[in-house]
């Protein structure tokens, strides 16, 4: 039934929307994103170092694509890529509880990083496949278990990890999708551990490292639980991003999650399986500006977790819900689904949150120490 409803939604979007092509930018936006002035771009176009921008029937520039921006960064030598000696940032966006904005944050942060010039891989490791749907897929209709990390977790894939990576409509953002059959991996990984020991939890990490050199950042969206798939993801990660809605239930759940995580990782450490995280960031998600009880929880969260809490909250917005109803993200939308002020506020929050994440990522890269 759910697949049928999603299929109808997909058909409606195909009928009413052109094929996905990623966002476009004005020359002033492009200049800001590539770190050069608009006049520098015009001069480079006039000199032939950059291709001339296409124009529409009225003579206006059509807008620069993400691929155009990548070309500009190459010409101007402003690509933000890590040095080969720097480790890729491998970030798990994780919480113990569902409905906290985990997939929304994972997808939007992956897209933010691609917009800002990084080479990004998004791995959907959640059988609910919310991240996958935001790229236009109906997971249980368009994909099977061979398209996800399911076979990798079984330890005997028919295709290697490089073969299940697919391009998206966002230049420099690749995807490993998920679907409901990934849920079976929970039991199968547990069974493998019973036979082969806890080193089974390192299988995904070994596969990821086969392709990690092609990327600056890998973002992973694991299930909202501390099961076998989540543990595999968290072992593969070198950083954590934890969404925390400002409600007493979610705060208590997050605190319990962190306590259980510490206990679990300690137990795994006895088997020489223990990840090291370059940073653990917490994001206040799905918040409202004028609800006093939420402000109190935000204050408590900042007091308890201190500098681990990102300063930018990601507040509730109809823009997220309306974009998701079209199997899209806020970055995919070409105009507001509410009003200009609401869209601008939502984008500003995403961009500020992305900037904070970017600054933490740079701390993982020795070549950037003392430079930014």
Protein backbone atom coordinates (compact mmCIF):
# COMPACT_ATOMS: atom_id res chain seq x y z
CA UNK A 1 0.00 0.00 0.00
CA UNK A 2 2.75 2.46 0.97
CA UNK A 3 4.70 1.66 -2.19
CA UNK A 4 1.56 2.27 -4.28
CA UNK A 5 0.99 5.69 -2.69
CA UNK A 6 4.64 6.66 -3.22
CA UNK A 7 4.48 5.48 -6.83
CA UNK A 8 1.48 7.74 -7.45
CA UNK A 9 3.39 10.61 -5.87
CA UNK A 10 6.41 9.86 -8.08
CA UNK A 11 4.23 9.77 -11.21
CA UNK A 12 2.61 13.08 -10.30
CA UNK A 13 5.98 14.73 -9.78
CA UNK A 14 7.30 13.42 -13.11
CA UNK A 15 4.22 14.79 -14.88
CA UNK A 16 4.37 18.23 -13.27
CA UNK A 17 8.12 18.77 -12.97
CA UNK A 18 11.02 18.70 -15.44
CA UNK A 19 13.80 16.11 -14.96
CA UNK A 20 16.05 16.87 -12.00
CA UNK A 21 19.10 18.87 -12.89
CA UNK A 22 20.36 20.34 -9.64
CA UNK A 23 20.29 23.97 -8.52
CA UNK A 24 21.47 26.94 -10.57
CA UNK A 25 23.01 30.18 -9.37
CA UNK A 26 23.27 33.82 -10.40
CA UNK A 27 26.70 35.24 -11.17
CA UNK A 28 26.84 36.93 -7.75
CA UNK A 29 25.91 33.68 -6.00
CA UNK A 30 28.46 31.79 -8.10
CA UNK A 31 31.15 34.33 -7.24
CA UNK A 32 30.48 33.92 -3.53
CA UNK A 33 30.55 30.12 -3.75
CA UNK A 34 33.80 29.89 -5.73
CA UNK A 35 35.62 32.62 -3.81
CA UNK A 36 36.12 35.11 -6.65
CA UNK A 37 34.36 38.29 -7.77
CA UNK A 38 31.68 38.49 -10.44
CA UNK A 39 34.04 40.62 -12.53
CA UNK A 40 36.74 37.92 -12.30
CA UNK A 41 34.24 35.41 -13.69
CA UNK A 42 33.27 37.75 -16.55
CA UNK A 43 36.94 38.38 -17.40
CA UNK A 44 37.70 34.64 -17.40
CA UNK A 45 34.74 34.09 -19.75
CA UNK A 46 35.90 36.88 -22.05
CA UNK A 47 39.43 35.46 -22.12
CA UNK A 48 38.14 31.97 -22.89
CA UNK A 49 39.37 30.45 -19.64
CA UNK A 50 35.74 29.76 -18.76
CA UNK A 51 32.96 28.86 -21.21
CA UNK A 52 30.51 31.63 -22.02
CA UNK A 53 27.33 31.36 -20.01
CA UNK A 54 24.29 30.29 -21.98
CA UNK A 55 21.49 32.83 -22.25
CA UNK A 56 17.74 32.43 -22.60
CA UNK A 57 15.47 33.95 -25.26
CA UNK A 58 15.47 37.32 -23.49
CA UNK A 59 19.27 37.47 -23.29
CA UNK A 60 19.45 36.73 -19.57
CA UNK A 61 22.01 34.26 -18.24
CA UNK A 62 20.42 30.85 -17.63
CA UNK A 63 22.24 30.40 -14.35
CA UNK A 64 25.41 28.55 -13.39
CA UNK A 65 25.14 24.85 -12.56
CA UNK A 66 27.12 22.97 -9.93
CA UNK A 67 29.29 21.59 -12.72
CA UNK A 68 29.94 25.17 -13.90
CA UNK A 69 30.98 26.09 -10.37
CA UNK A 70 33.34 23.12 -10.24
CA UNK A 71 34.95 24.30 -13.49
CA UNK A 72 35.36 27.79 -12.03
CA UNK A 73 37.03 26.45 -8.90
CA UNK A 74 39.41 24.44 -11.06
CA UNK A 75 40.30 27.52 -13.14
CA UNK A 76 40.63 29.81 -10.12
CA UNK A 77 42.34 27.12 -8.00
CA UNK A 78 39.76 27.47 -5.21
CA UNK A 79 38.61 23.87 -4.87
CA UNK A 80 38.20 23.08 -1.16
CA UNK A 81 39.20 19.43 -1.57
CA UNK A 82 41.24 17.75 1.13
CA UNK A 83 44.88 16.96 0.47
CA UNK A 84 45.64 13.34 -0.43
CA UNK A 85 47.33 12.94 2.95
CA UNK A 86 44.16 14.06 4.79
CA UNK A 87 41.62 11.41 5.82
CA UNK A 88 38.15 11.69 4.31
CA UNK A 89 35.56 12.86 6.82
CA UNK A 90 33.17 9.93 7.41
CA UNK A 91 30.18 11.24 9.34
CA UNK A 92 27.36 9.19 10.84
CA UNK A 93 24.18 11.20 11.45
CA UNK A 94 22.75 9.17 14.30
CA UNK A 95 20.26 9.11 17.14
CA UNK A 96 18.59 6.40 19.17
CA UNK A 97 15.11 7.72 18.35
CA UNK A 98 13.28 8.18 15.06
CA UNK A 99 11.56 11.38 14.01
CA UNK A 100 14.37 13.69 15.12
CA UNK A 101 15.30 15.00 11.67
CA UNK A 102 18.19 12.59 11.14
CA UNK A 103 17.64 11.90 7.43
CA UNK A 104 16.68 15.51 6.70
CA UNK A 105 19.95 16.73 8.20
CA UNK A 106 22.04 14.02 6.52
CA UNK A 107 20.70 14.77 3.04
CA UNK A 108 20.73 18.56 3.33
CA UNK A 109 24.25 18.60 4.76
CA UNK A 110 25.47 16.30 1.97
CA UNK A 111 23.92 18.66 -0.58
CA UNK A 112 25.34 21.73 1.17
CA UNK A 113 28.84 20.26 0.98
CA UNK A 114 28.41 19.43 -2.72
CA UNK A 115 27.21 22.97 -3.41
CA UNK A 116 30.34 24.27 -1.69
CA UNK A 117 32.64 22.22 -3.87
CA UNK A 118 33.35 19.05 -1.91
CA UNK A 119 33.23 15.53 -3.34
CA UNK A 120 30.54 13.78 -1.31
CA UNK A 121 29.15 10.27 -0.94
CA UNK A 122 25.84 9.79 0.89
CA UNK A 123 25.22 6.27 2.20
CA UNK A 124 21.63 5.51 3.16
CA UNK A 125 21.93 2.70 5.70
CA UNK A 126 18.38 3.00 7.05
CA UNK A 127 15.81 0.48 5.75
CA UNK A 128 13.17 3.23 5.92
CA UNK A 129 15.13 4.84 3.05
CA UNK A 130 13.99 8.41 3.76
CA UNK A 131 17.25 9.78 2.37
CA UNK A 132 16.90 7.71 -0.79
CA UNK A 133 13.36 8.99 -1.38
CA UNK A 134 14.57 12.59 -1.35
CA UNK A 135 16.49 11.80 -4.54
CA UNK A 136 13.28 10.80 -6.29
CA UNK A 137 13.39 7.03 -5.80
CA UNK A 138 10.57 4.79 -4.63
CA UNK A 139 12.91 2.42 -2.77
CA UNK A 140 10.88 -0.79 -2.84
CA UNK A 141 9.83 -0.23 -6.46
CA UNK A 142 12.99 1.15 -8.06
CA UNK A 143 15.65 -0.74 -6.07
CA UNK A 144 16.47 -4.19 -4.72
CA UNK A 145 18.83 -5.47 -2.04
CA UNK A 146 21.75 -5.60 -4.48
CA UNK A 147 21.56 -1.81 -4.86
CA UNK A 148 22.16 -1.17 -1.14
CA UNK A 149 24.83 -2.06 1.43
CA UNK A 150 22.80 -5.19 2.32
CA UNK A 151 25.02 -7.58 0.39
CA UNK A 152 28.16 -5.86 1.72
CA UNK A 153 27.00 -6.49 5.28
CA UNK A 154 26.44 -10.14 4.41
CA UNK A 155 30.12 -10.34 3.53
CA UNK A 156 29.62 -11.88 0.09
CA UNK A 157 28.38 -9.20 -2.30
CA UNK A 158 27.73 -9.95 -5.96
CA UNK A 159 28.88 -6.41 -6.67
CA UNK A 160 31.58 -4.46 -4.88
CA UNK A 161 30.89 -1.14 -3.21
CA UNK A 162 32.09 0.82 -6.25
CA UNK A 163 29.39 -0.85 -8.35
CA UNK A 164 26.50 0.20 -6.09
CA UNK A 165 27.46 3.88 -5.98
CA UNK A 166 25.25 5.93 -8.28
CA UNK A 167 25.41 9.50 -9.50
CA UNK A 168 22.72 11.97 -8.46
CA UNK A 169 21.37 15.16 -10.03
CA UNK A 170 23.76 17.03 -7.71
CA UNK A 171 27.21 17.29 -9.31
CA UNK A 172 29.87 15.77 -7.02
CA UNK A 173 27.24 14.08 -4.80
CA UNK A 174 26.99 10.30 -5.15
CA UNK A 175 24.53 7.98 -3.43
CA UNK A 176 24.31 4.44 -2.14
CA UNK A 177 20.55 3.97 -1.72
CA UNK A 178 18.54 1.79 0.64
CA UNK A 179 15.24 -0.04 0.70
CA UNK A 180 13.21 -2.08 3.16
CA UNK A 181 15.13 -5.31 2.53
CA UNK A 182 18.10 -3.77 4.29
CA UNK A 183 16.21 -4.42 7.54
CA UNK A 184 17.05 -8.13 7.21
CA UNK A 185 20.71 -7.26 7.61
CA UNK A 186 20.15 -6.72 11.35
CA UNK A 187 19.54 -10.43 11.87
CA UNK A 188 22.09 -11.61 9.35
CA UNK A 189 24.92 -9.54 10.81
CA UNK A 190 24.03 -10.81 14.28
CA UNK A 191 24.12 -14.39 12.97
CA UNK A 192 27.51 -13.79 11.34
CA UNK A 193 28.87 -12.41 14.61
CA UNK A 194 27.79 -15.64 16.30
CA UNK A 195 29.92 -17.59 13.82
CA UNK A 196 32.85 -15.29 13.04
CA UNK A 197 33.04 -12.95 16.04
CA UNK A 198 32.74 -9.19 16.45
CA UNK A 199 35.14 -8.42 13.60
CA UNK A 200 32.07 -8.78 11.37
CA UNK A 201 31.20 -5.23 12.47
CA UNK A 202 34.28 -3.97 10.61
CA UNK A 203 33.08 -5.31 7.24
CA UNK A 204 31.34 -2.11 6.15
CA UNK A 205 34.30 0.04 7.21
CA UNK A 206 36.68 -2.02 5.07
CA UNK A 207 34.38 -1.66 2.06
CA UNK A 208 33.97 2.09 2.56
CA UNK A 209 37.73 2.58 2.72
CA UNK A 210 38.03 1.01 -0.74
CA UNK A 211 36.28 4.07 -2.24
CA UNK A 212 36.87 6.72 0.44
CA UNK A 213 39.85 8.14 -1.44
CA UNK A 214 37.49 9.43 -4.15
CA UNK A 215 35.69 11.71 -1.70
CA UNK A 216 36.28 14.53 0.73
CA UNK A 217 33.25 13.70 2.87
CA UNK A 218 31.11 10.60 3.33
CA UNK A 219 27.78 11.14 5.10
CA UNK A 220 25.97 8.08 6.46
CA UNK A 221 22.33 7.84 7.54
CA UNK A 222 22.00 4.75 9.78
CA UNK A 223 18.84 3.34 11.40
CA UNK A 224 17.48 5.09 14.53
CA UNK A 225 18.63 2.30 16.85
CA UNK A 226 21.81 0.83 18.24
CA UNK A 227 21.54 -2.43 16.30
CA UNK A 228 24.03 -4.30 14.16
CA UNK A 229 23.72 -2.03 11.10
CA UNK A 230 24.12 1.12 13.20
CA UNK A 231 27.15 -0.33 14.97
CA UNK A 232 28.69 -1.18 11.60
CA UNK A 233 28.09 2.39 10.44
CA UNK A 234 29.41 3.94 13.62
CA UNK A 235 32.57 1.84 13.50
CA UNK A 236 33.15 3.06 9.94
CA UNK A 237 32.72 6.71 10.96
CA UNK A 238 35.34 9.13 12.24
CA UNK A 239 32.77 11.76 13.31
CA UNK A 240 29.21 11.84 14.67
CA UNK A 241 26.38 14.30 14.07
CA UNK A 242 23.51 13.87 16.54
CA UNK A 243 20.14 15.62 15.99
CA UNK A 244 18.33 16.55 19.22
CA UNK A 245 14.80 18.04 19.15
CA UNK A 246 14.19 20.28 22.20
CA UNK A 247 11.63 18.14 24.02
CA UNK A 248 12.13 16.39 27.33
CA UNK A 249 11.40 13.01 25.73
CA UNK A 250 13.95 13.52 22.94
CA UNK A 251 16.54 14.97 25.34
CA UNK A 252 16.14 11.99 27.68
CA UNK A 253 16.34 9.59 24.73
CA UNK A 254 19.51 11.25 23.43
CA UNK A 255 21.11 11.11 26.88
CA UNK A 256 20.22 7.42 27.11
CA UNK A 257 21.59 6.86 23.60
CA UNK A 258 24.93 8.44 24.49
CA UNK A 259 25.17 6.39 27.67
CA UNK A 260 24.37 3.16 25.85
CA UNK A 261 26.78 4.10 23.06
CA UNK A 262 29.61 4.61 25.55
CA UNK A 263 28.84 1.29 27.21
CA UNK A 264 28.59 -0.56 23.88
CA UNK A 265 31.78 0.94 22.49
CA UNK A 266 33.57 0.05 25.70
CA UNK A 267 32.45 -3.56 25.35
CA UNK A 268 33.54 -3.65 21.70
CA UNK A 269 36.87 -2.14 22.71
CA UNK A 270 37.58 -5.34 24.63
CA UNK A 271 37.52 -7.04 21.23
CA UNK A 272 39.85 -4.38 19.72
CA UNK A 273 36.90 -2.84 17.85
CA UNK A 274 36.58 0.78 18.87
CA UNK A 275 36.14 3.80 16.60
CA UNK A 276 37.81 7.14 17.20
CA UNK A 277 35.81 10.29 16.49
CA UNK A 278 37.44 13.54 15.45
CA UNK A 279 34.33 15.40 16.55
CA UNK A 280 30.88 14.72 17.95
CA UNK A 281 28.43 17.48 17.05
CA UNK A 282 24.88 17.91 18.32
CA UNK A 283 22.25 19.78 16.31
CA UNK A 284 19.11 21.23 17.90
CA UNK A 285 16.51 20.12 15.36
CA UNK A 286 12.80 20.65 14.74
CA UNK A 287 12.69 23.54 17.20
CA UNK A 288 10.31 26.49 17.49
CA UNK A 289 11.53 29.99 18.30
CA UNK A 290 8.73 31.06 20.65
CA UNK A 291 7.94 28.01 22.76
CA UNK A 292 9.31 28.63 26.25
CA UNK A 293 9.53 24.96 27.23
CA UNK A 294 11.72 24.30 24.17
CA UNK A 295 13.98 27.24 25.03
CA UNK A 296 14.50 25.71 28.46
CA UNK A 297 15.50 22.36 26.95
CA UNK A 298 17.88 24.15 24.55
CA UNK A 299 19.52 25.89 27.53
CA UNK A 300 19.86 22.56 29.38
CA UNK A 301 21.32 20.89 26.28
CA UNK A 302 23.91 23.64 25.92
CA UNK A 303 24.76 23.45 29.62
CA UNK A 304 25.15 19.67 29.64
CA UNK A 305 26.93 19.20 26.30
CA UNK A 306 28.70 22.56 25.94
CA UNK A 307 30.76 23.11 22.82
CA UNK A 308 29.54 19.89 21.25
CA UNK A 309 26.25 21.65 20.47
CA UNK A 310 26.25 23.56 17.18
CA UNK A 311 25.15 27.17 17.64
CA UNK A 312 22.75 27.04 14.67
CA UNK A 313 19.42 25.34 15.31
CA UNK A 314 17.47 23.76 12.48
CA UNK A 315 13.95 24.93 13.19
CA UNK A 316 10.72 23.37 11.99
CA UNK A 317 9.63 24.73 8.62
CA UNK A 318 6.87 23.96 6.16
CA UNK A 319 9.58 24.18 3.48
CA UNK A 320 10.98 20.80 4.61
CA UNK A 321 7.58 19.11 4.60
CA UNK A 322 6.53 20.60 1.27
CA UNK A 323 9.81 19.65 -0.38
CA UNK A 324 9.57 16.09 0.97
CA UNK A 325 6.04 15.77 -0.45
CA UNK A 326 7.65 16.25 -3.88
CA UNK A 327 10.45 13.76 -3.06
CA UNK A 328 12.84 16.73 -2.95
CA UNK A 329 14.90 18.80 -0.55
CA UNK A 330 14.81 22.52 0.19
CA UNK A 331 17.92 22.93 -1.98
CA UNK A 332 16.03 21.28 -4.86
CA UNK A 333 13.19 23.79 -4.80
CA UNK A 334 13.44 26.66 -7.27
CA UNK A 335 10.92 28.84 -5.42
CA UNK A 336 9.21 29.04 -2.07
CA UNK A 337 6.40 26.65 -1.22
CA UNK A 338 5.27 29.03 1.53
CA UNK A 339 6.56 32.58 1.18
CA UNK A 340 9.88 34.25 0.43
CA UNK A 341 10.65 35.10 4.05
CA UNK A 342 10.08 31.53 5.26
CA UNK A 343 12.22 30.06 2.48
CA UNK A 344 15.01 32.57 3.07
CA UNK A 345 15.00 31.83 6.80
CA UNK A 346 15.13 28.08 6.15
CA UNK A 347 18.00 28.39 3.66
CA UNK A 348 19.94 30.69 6.00
CA UNK A 349 19.68 28.10 8.78
CA UNK A 350 20.83 25.30 6.49
CA UNK A 351 23.76 27.34 5.21
CA UNK A 352 24.86 28.37 8.71
CA UNK A 353 24.56 24.80 9.97
CA UNK A 354 26.50 23.61 6.93
CA UNK A 355 29.23 26.16 7.62
CA UNK A 356 29.60 24.91 11.20
CA UNK A 357 29.82 21.32 9.97
CA UNK A 358 32.37 22.36 7.36
CA UNK A 359 34.55 24.00 10.02
CA UNK A 360 34.49 20.81 12.09
CA UNK A 361 35.35 18.72 9.03
CA UNK A 362 38.44 20.85 8.40
CA UNK A 363 39.66 19.98 11.89
CA UNK A 364 39.99 16.38 10.70
CA UNK A 365 42.43 17.45 8.00
CA UNK A 366 46.00 18.11 9.21
CA UNK A 367 46.76 20.15 6.08
CA UNK A 368 44.17 22.75 7.19
CA UNK A 369 45.40 23.19 10.72
CA UNK A 370 46.24 26.84 11.28
CA UNK A 371 45.12 27.88 7.77
CA UNK A 372 41.38 28.60 8.15
